[in-house]
Amino acid sequence: MSTAPEVWAAGDCGAAVDLIALVVNRAAAVGAHGDVLAAAAAFEAALRAVLGPLLDDVPAGPAATAPPPSHP
């Protein structure tokens, strides 16, 4: 799945964008949704440790002086 349209739209609205993509398929060989959730939960602490500082000081939206989007 491409995130390009979302990044373009955010930029058009004047928002700063940091994109982090993560693909983890460690639960692919398991048979139940609960197993997938357990595999994801196993990564939670590591992801919070790495991503937390990056996300703590993120502004809550586009700048007040942002021009309107250039496309509908």
PDB file of N, CA and C in Angstrom:
ATOM      1  N   MET A   1       0.847  -1.176   0.000  1.00  0.00           N
ATOM      2  CA  MET A   1       0.000   0.000   0.000  1.00  0.00           C
ATOM      3  C   MET A   1       0.892   1.238   0.000  1.00  0.00           C
ATOM      4  N   SER A   2       0.609   2.138  -0.881  1.00  0.00           N
ATOM      5  CA  SER A   2       1.387   3.363  -0.985  1.00  0.00           C
ATOM      6  C   SER A   2       0.862   4.408  -0.009  1.00  0.00           C
ATOM      7  N   THR A   3       1.766   5.139   0.609  1.00  0.00           N
ATOM      8  CA  THR A   3       1.381   6.254   1.474  1.00  0.00           C
ATOM      9  C   THR A   3       1.594   7.590   0.782  1.00  0.00           C
ATOM     10  N   ALA A   4       2.017   7.549  -0.478  1.00  0.00           N
ATOM     11  CA  ALA A   4       2.312   8.785  -1.201  1.00  0.00           C
ATOM     12  C   ALA A   4       1.134   9.752  -1.241  1.00  0.00           C
ATOM     13  N   PRO A   5      -0.099   9.317  -1.537  1.00  0.00           N
ATOM     14  CA  PRO A   5      -1.205  10.288  -1.584  1.00  0.00           C
ATOM     15  C   PRO A   5      -1.420  11.007  -0.248  1.00  0.00           C
ATOM     16  N   GLU A   6      -1.270  10.292   0.853  1.00  0.00           N
ATOM     17  CA  GLU A   6      -1.445  10.917   2.157  1.00  0.00           C
ATOM     18  C   GLU A   6      -0.337  11.924   2.443  1.00  0.00           C
ATOM     19  N   VAL A   7       0.881  11.590   2.052  1.00  0.00           N
ATOM     20  CA  VAL A   7       2.005  12.501   2.263  1.00  0.00           C
ATOM     21  C   VAL A   7       1.826  13.752   1.421  1.00  0.00           C
ATOM     22  N   TRP A   8       1.413  13.596   0.175  1.00  0.00           N
ATOM     23  CA  TRP A   8       1.174  14.763  -0.689  1.00  0.00           C
ATOM     24  C   TRP A   8       0.069  15.641  -0.107  1.00  0.00           C
ATOM     25  N   ALA A   9      -1.017  15.048   0.340  1.00  0.00           N
ATOM     26  CA  ALA A   9      -2.130  15.821   0.895  1.00  0.00           C
ATOM     27  C   ALA A   9      -1.698  16.562   2.157  1.00  0.00           C
ATOM     28  N   ALA A  10      -0.953  15.904   3.024  1.00  0.00           N
ATOM     29  CA  ALA A  10      -0.481  16.554   4.245  1.00  0.00           C
ATOM     30  C   ALA A  10       0.447  17.718   3.907  1.00  0.00           C
ATOM     31  N   GLY A  11       1.331  17.514   2.953  1.00  0.00           N
ATOM     32  CA  GLY A  11       2.227  18.588   2.529  1.00  0.00           C
ATOM     33  C   GLY A  11       1.473  19.762   1.941  1.00  0.00           C
ATOM     34  N   ASP A  12       0.449  19.479   1.145  1.00  0.00           N
ATOM     35  CA  ASP A  12      -0.371  20.541   0.568  1.00  0.00           C
ATOM     36  C   ASP A  12      -1.090  21.351   1.643  1.00  0.00           C
ATOM     37  N   CYS A  13      -1.358  20.732   2.782  1.00  0.00           N
ATOM     38  CA  CYS A  13      -2.022  21.418   3.894  1.00  0.00           C
ATOM     39  C   CYS A  13      -1.025  22.103   4.823  1.00  0.00           C
ATOM     40  N   GLY A  14       0.261  21.977   4.511  1.00  0.00           N
ATOM     41  CA  GLY A  14       1.275  22.632   5.315  1.00  0.00           C
ATOM     42  C   GLY A  14       1.780  21.815   6.491  1.00  0.00           C
ATOM     43  N   ALA A  15       1.380  20.570   6.572  1.00  0.00           N
ATOM     44  CA  ALA A  15       1.812  19.729   7.693  1.00  0.00           C
ATOM     45  C   ALA A  15       3.194  19.149   7.429  1.00  0.00           C
ATOM     46  N   ALA A  16       3.985  19.090   8.469  1.00  0.00           N
ATOM     47  CA  ALA A  16       5.267  18.392   8.382  1.00  0.00           C
ATOM     48  C   ALA A  16       4.981  16.899   8.409  1.00  0.00           C
ATOM     49  N   VAL A  17       5.725  16.148   7.638  1.00  0.00           N
ATOM     50  CA  VAL A  17       5.457  14.713   7.540  1.00  0.00           C
ATOM     51  C   VAL A  17       6.733  13.929   7.805  1.00  0.00           C
ATOM     52  N   ASP A  18       6.633  12.993   8.711  1.00  0.00           N
ATOM     53  CA  ASP A  18       7.660  11.979   8.923  1.00  0.00           C
ATOM     54  C   ASP A  18       6.964  10.650   8.709  1.00  0.00           C
ATOM     55  N   LEU A  19       7.439   9.877   7.780  1.00  0.00           N
ATOM     56  CA  LEU A  19       6.802   8.603   7.460  1.00  0.00           C
ATOM     57  C   LEU A  19       7.668   7.461   7.959  1.00  0.00           C
ATOM     58  N   ILE A  20       7.055   6.599   8.717  1.00  0.00           N
ATOM     59  CA  ILE A  20       7.735   5.400   9.200  1.00  0.00           C
ATOM     60  C   ILE A  20       6.908   4.212   8.739  1.00  0.00           C
ATOM     61  N   ALA A  21       7.516   3.344   7.960  1.00  0.00           N
ATOM     62  CA  ALA A  21       6.816   2.153   7.481  1.00  0.00           C
ATOM     63  C   ALA A  21       7.461   0.927   8.109  1.00  0.00           C
ATOM     64  N   LEU A  22       6.635   0.026   8.555  1.00  0.00           N
ATOM     65  CA  LEU A  22       7.125  -1.184   9.194  1.00  0.00           C
ATOM     66  C   LEU A  22       6.292  -2.358   8.709  1.00  0.00           C
ATOM     67  N   VAL A  23       6.960  -3.357   8.213  1.00  0.00           N
ATOM     68  CA  VAL A  23       6.279  -4.570   7.779  1.00  0.00           C
ATOM     69  C   VAL A  23       6.862  -5.723   8.581  1.00  0.00           C
ATOM     70  N   VAL A  24       6.010  -6.373   9.317  1.00  0.00           N
ATOM     71  CA  VAL A  24       6.432  -7.509  10.130  1.00  0.00           C
ATOM     72  C   VAL A  24       5.495  -8.661   9.835  1.00  0.00           C
ATOM     73  N   ASN A  25       6.041  -9.779   9.451  1.00  0.00           N
ATOM     74  CA  ASN A  25       5.212 -10.928   9.117  1.00  0.00           C
ATOM     75  C   ASN A  25       5.659 -12.156   9.907  1.00  0.00           C
ATOM     76  N   ARG A  26       6.051 -11.942  11.152  1.00  0.00           N
ATOM     77  CA  ARG A  26       6.532 -13.059  11.973  1.00  0.00           C
ATOM     78  C   ARG A  26       5.410 -14.014  12.330  1.00  0.00           C
ATOM     79  N   ALA A  27       4.167 -13.584  12.248  1.00  0.00           N
ATOM     80  CA  ALA A  27       3.044 -14.446  12.610  1.00  0.00           C
ATOM     81  C   ALA A  27       2.449 -15.149  11.398  1.00  0.00           C
ATOM     82  N   ALA A  28       3.107 -15.079  10.273  1.00  0.00           N
ATOM     83  CA  ALA A  28       2.532 -15.634   9.044  1.00  0.00           C
ATOM     84  C   ALA A  28       2.275 -17.129   9.128  1.00  0.00           C
ATOM     85  N   ALA A  29       3.067 -17.844   9.884  1.00  0.00           N
ATOM     86  CA  ALA A  29       2.917 -19.297   9.945  1.00  0.00           C
ATOM     87  C   ALA A  29       1.930 -19.746  11.016  1.00  0.00           C
ATOM     88  N   VAL A  30       1.366 -18.823  11.752  1.00  0.00           N
ATOM     89  CA  VAL A  30       0.423 -19.200  12.807  1.00  0.00           C
ATOM     90  C   VAL A  30      -0.985 -19.250  12.261  1.00  0.00           C
ATOM     91  N   GLY A  31      -1.872 -19.920  12.983  1.00  0.00           N
ATOM     92  CA  GLY A  31      -3.189 -20.165  12.423  1.00  0.00           C
ATOM     93  C   GLY A  31      -4.327 -19.322  12.931  1.00  0.00           C
ATOM     94  N   ALA A  32      -4.150 -18.548  13.996  1.00  0.00           N
ATOM     95  CA  ALA A  32      -5.280 -17.827  14.573  1.00  0.00           C
ATOM     96  C   ALA A  32      -4.954 -16.342  14.720  1.00  0.00           C
ATOM     97  N   HIS A  33      -6.013 -15.534  14.708  1.00  0.00           N
ATOM     98  CA  HIS A  33      -5.839 -14.089  14.837  1.00  0.00           C
ATOM     99  C   HIS A  33      -5.180 -13.739  16.174  1.00  0.00           C
ATOM    100  N   GLY A  34      -5.507 -14.470  17.207  1.00  0.00           N
ATOM    101  CA  GLY A  34      -4.893 -14.235  18.511  1.00  0.00           C
ATOM    102  C   GLY A  34      -3.386 -14.379  18.468  1.00  0.00           C
ATOM    103  N   ASP A  35      -2.905 -15.309  17.640  1.00  0.00           N
ATOM    104  CA  ASP A  35      -1.461 -15.491  17.484  1.00  0.00           C
ATOM    105  C   ASP A  35      -0.827 -14.273  16.819  1.00  0.00           C
ATOM    106  N   VAL A  36      -1.526 -13.707  15.871  1.00  0.00           N
ATOM    107  CA  VAL A  36      -1.037 -12.495  15.204  1.00  0.00           C
ATOM    108  C   VAL A  36      -0.965 -11.348  16.209  1.00  0.00           C
ATOM    109  N   LEU A  37      -2.009 -11.202  17.020  1.00  0.00           N
ATOM    110  CA  LEU A  37      -2.009 -10.148  18.035  1.00  0.00           C
ATOM    111  C   LEU A  37      -0.883 -10.353  19.047  1.00  0.00           C
ATOM    112  N   ALA A  38      -0.637 -11.589  19.425  1.00  0.00           N
ATOM    113  CA  ALA A  38       0.448 -11.880  20.367  1.00  0.00           C
ATOM    114  C   ALA A  38       1.807 -11.537  19.762  1.00  0.00           C
ATOM    115  N   ALA A  39       2.000 -11.847  18.492  1.00  0.00           N
ATOM    116  CA  ALA A  39       3.265 -11.523  17.827  1.00  0.00           C
ATOM    117  C   ALA A  39       3.459 -10.011  17.767  1.00  0.00           C
ATOM    118  N   ALA A  40       2.389  -9.276  17.471  1.00  0.00           N
ATOM    119  CA  ALA A  40       2.476  -7.813  17.427  1.00  0.00           C
ATOM    120  C   ALA A  40       2.775  -7.251  18.816  1.00  0.00           C
ATOM    121  N   ALA A  41       2.133  -7.806  19.836  1.00  0.00           N
ATOM    122  CA  ALA A  41       2.350  -7.331  21.207  1.00  0.00           C
ATOM    123  C   ALA A  41       3.798  -7.527  21.644  1.00  0.00           C
ATOM    124  N   ALA A  42       4.442  -8.553  21.121  1.00  0.00           N
ATOM    125  CA  ALA A  42       5.831  -8.818  21.480  1.00  0.00           C
ATOM    126  C   ALA A  42       6.764  -7.692  21.021  1.00  0.00           C
ATOM    127  N   PHE A  43       6.358  -6.939  20.005  1.00  0.00           N
ATOM    128  CA  PHE A  43       7.173  -5.840  19.481  1.00  0.00           C
ATOM    129  C   PHE A  43       6.837  -4.498  20.118  1.00  0.00           C
ATOM    130  N   GLU A  44       5.780  -4.446  20.923  1.00  0.00           N
ATOM    131  CA  GLU A  44       5.296  -3.160  21.419  1.00  0.00           C
ATOM    132  C   GLU A  44       6.348  -2.373  22.194  1.00  0.00           C
ATOM    133  N   ALA A  45       7.010  -2.993  23.139  1.00  0.00           N
ATOM    134  CA  ALA A  45       7.987  -2.264  23.962  1.00  0.00           C
ATOM    135  C   ALA A  45       9.123  -1.698  23.113  1.00  0.00           C
ATOM    136  N   ALA A  46       9.618  -2.489  22.178  1.00  0.00           N
ATOM    137  CA  ALA A  46      10.710  -2.021  21.318  1.00  0.00           C
ATOM    138  C   ALA A  46      10.253  -0.865  20.437  1.00  0.00           C
ATOM    139  N   LEU A  47       9.053  -0.968  19.883  1.00  0.00           N
ATOM    140  CA  LEU A  47       8.544   0.111  19.031  1.00  0.00           C
ATOM    141  C   LEU A  47       8.316   1.389  19.825  1.00  0.00           C
ATOM    142  N   ARG A  48       7.763   1.256  21.020  1.00  0.00           N
ATOM    143  CA  ARG A  48       7.556   2.448  21.858  1.00  0.00           C
ATOM    144  C   ARG A  48       8.888   3.108  22.216  1.00  0.00           C
ATOM    145  N   ALA A  49       9.902   2.305  22.496  1.00  0.00           N
ATOM    146  CA  ALA A  49      11.211   2.851  22.853  1.00  0.00           C
ATOM    147  C   ALA A  49      11.831   3.619  21.693  1.00  0.00           C
ATOM    148  N   VAL A  50      11.661   3.114  20.481  1.00  0.00           N
ATOM    149  CA  VAL A  50      12.261   3.753  19.305  1.00  0.00           C
ATOM    150  C   VAL A  50      11.402   4.904  18.794  1.00  0.00           C
ATOM    151  N   LEU A  51      10.099   4.673  18.678  1.00  0.00           N
ATOM    152  CA  LEU A  51       9.224   5.673  18.069  1.00  0.00           C
ATOM    153  C   LEU A  51       8.746   6.737  19.051  1.00  0.00           C
ATOM    154  N   GLY A  52       8.665   6.408  20.323  1.00  0.00           N
ATOM    155  CA  GLY A  52       8.157   7.353  21.313  1.00  0.00           C
ATOM    156  C   GLY A  52       8.836   8.708  21.265  1.00  0.00           C
ATOM    157  N   PRO A  53      10.165   8.755  21.343  1.00  0.00           N
ATOM    158  CA  PRO A  53      10.845  10.056  21.292  1.00  0.00           C
ATOM    159  C   PRO A  53      10.604  10.805  19.981  1.00  0.00           C
ATOM    160  N   LEU A  54      10.422  10.093  18.903  1.00  0.00           N
ATOM    161  CA  LEU A  54      10.166  10.752  17.620  1.00  0.00           C
ATOM    162  C   LEU A  54       8.784  11.376  17.578  1.00  0.00           C
ATOM    163  N   LEU A  55       7.831  10.780  18.283  1.00  0.00           N
ATOM    164  CA  LEU A  55       6.448  11.231  18.208  1.00  0.00           C
ATOM    165  C   LEU A  55       6.056  12.178  19.333  1.00  0.00           C
ATOM    166  N   ASP A  56       6.849  12.269  20.390  1.00  0.00           N
ATOM    167  CA  ASP A  56       6.484  13.090  21.541  1.00  0.00           C
ATOM    168  C   ASP A  56       6.344  14.569  21.218  1.00  0.00           C
ATOM    169  N   ASP A  57       7.160  15.100  20.325  1.00  0.00           N
ATOM    170  CA  ASP A  57       7.156  16.533  20.050  1.00  0.00           C
ATOM    171  C   ASP A  57       6.545  16.882  18.699  1.00  0.00           C
ATOM    172  N   VAL A  58       5.683  16.031  18.193  1.00  0.00           N
ATOM    173  CA  VAL A  58       5.073  16.267  16.888  1.00  0.00           C
ATOM    174  C   VAL A  58       3.944  17.274  17.032  1.00  0.00           C
ATOM    175  N   PRO A  59       3.906  18.312  16.202  1.00  0.00           N
ATOM    176  CA  PRO A  59       2.789  19.254  16.244  1.00  0.00           C
ATOM    177  C   PRO A  59       1.477  18.552  15.915  1.00  0.00           C
ATOM    178  N   ALA A  60       0.393  19.103  16.401  1.00  0.00           N
ATOM    179  CA  ALA A  60      -0.907  18.455  16.275  1.00  0.00           C
ATOM    180  C   ALA A  60      -1.665  18.833  15.013  1.00  0.00           C
ATOM    181  N   GLY A  61      -1.026  19.212  13.964  1.00  0.00           N
ATOM    182  CA  GLY A  61      -1.749  19.514  12.737  1.00  0.00           C
ATOM    183  C   GLY A  61      -0.981  20.475  11.864  1.00  0.00           C
ATOM    184  N   PRO A  62      -1.614  20.913  10.780  1.00  0.00           N
ATOM    185  CA  PRO A  62      -0.934  21.823   9.855  1.00  0.00           C
ATOM    186  C   PRO A  62      -0.704  23.190  10.490  1.00  0.00           C
ATOM    187  N   ALA A  63       0.267  23.881   9.967  1.00  0.00           N
ATOM    188  CA  ALA A  63       0.550  25.234  10.439  1.00  0.00           C
ATOM    189  C   ALA A  63      -0.645  26.135  10.163  1.00  0.00           C
ATOM    190  N   ALA A  64      -0.856  27.094  11.038  1.00  0.00           N
ATOM    191  CA  ALA A  64      -2.005  27.991  10.893  1.00  0.00           C
ATOM    192  C   ALA A  64      -1.941  28.805   9.612  1.00  0.00           C
ATOM    193  N   THR A  65      -0.763  29.009   9.060  1.00  0.00           N
ATOM    194  CA  THR A  65      -0.610  29.820   7.855  1.00  0.00           C
ATOM    195  C   THR A  65      -0.539  28.969   6.587  1.00  0.00           C
ATOM    196  N   ALA A  66      -0.893  27.717   6.691  1.00  0.00           N
ATOM    197  CA  ALA A  66      -0.798  26.823   5.532  1.00  0.00           C
ATOM    198  C   ALA A  66      -1.757  27.260   4.436  1.00  0.00           C
ATOM    199  N   PRO A  67      -1.289  27.259   3.183  1.00  0.00           N
ATOM    200  CA  PRO A  67      -2.194  27.571   2.073  1.00  0.00           C
ATOM    201  C   PRO A  67      -3.171  26.420   1.870  1.00  0.00           C
ATOM    202  N   PRO A  68      -4.275  26.667   1.190  1.00  0.00           N
ATOM    203  CA  PRO A  68      -5.221  25.579   0.925  1.00  0.00           C
ATOM    204  C   PRO A  68      -4.588  24.534   0.010  1.00  0.00           C
ATOM    205  N   PRO A  69      -5.086  23.305   0.049  1.00  0.00           N
ATOM    206  CA  PRO A  69      -4.556  22.254  -0.831  1.00  0.00           C
ATOM    207  C   PRO A  69      -4.648  22.651  -2.296  1.00  0.00           C
ATOM    208  N   SER A  70      -3.690  22.154  -3.086  1.00  0.00           N
ATOM    209  CA  SER A  70      -3.661  22.505  -4.504  1.00  0.00           C
ATOM    210  C   SER A  70      -4.491  21.565  -5.361  1.00  0.00           C
ATOM    211  N   HIS A  71      -5.065  20.558  -4.758  1.00  0.00           N
ATOM    212  CA  HIS A  71      -5.906  19.614  -5.505  1.00  0.00           C
ATOM    213  C   HIS A  71      -7.108  19.247  -4.654  1.00  0.00           C
ATOM    214  N   PRO A  72      -8.195  18.812  -5.294  1.00  0.00           N
ATOM    215  CA  PRO A  72      -9.417  18.503  -4.520  1.00  0.00           C
ATOM    216  C   PRO A  72      -9.276  17.294  -3.634  1.00  0.00           C
TER     217      PRO A  72
END
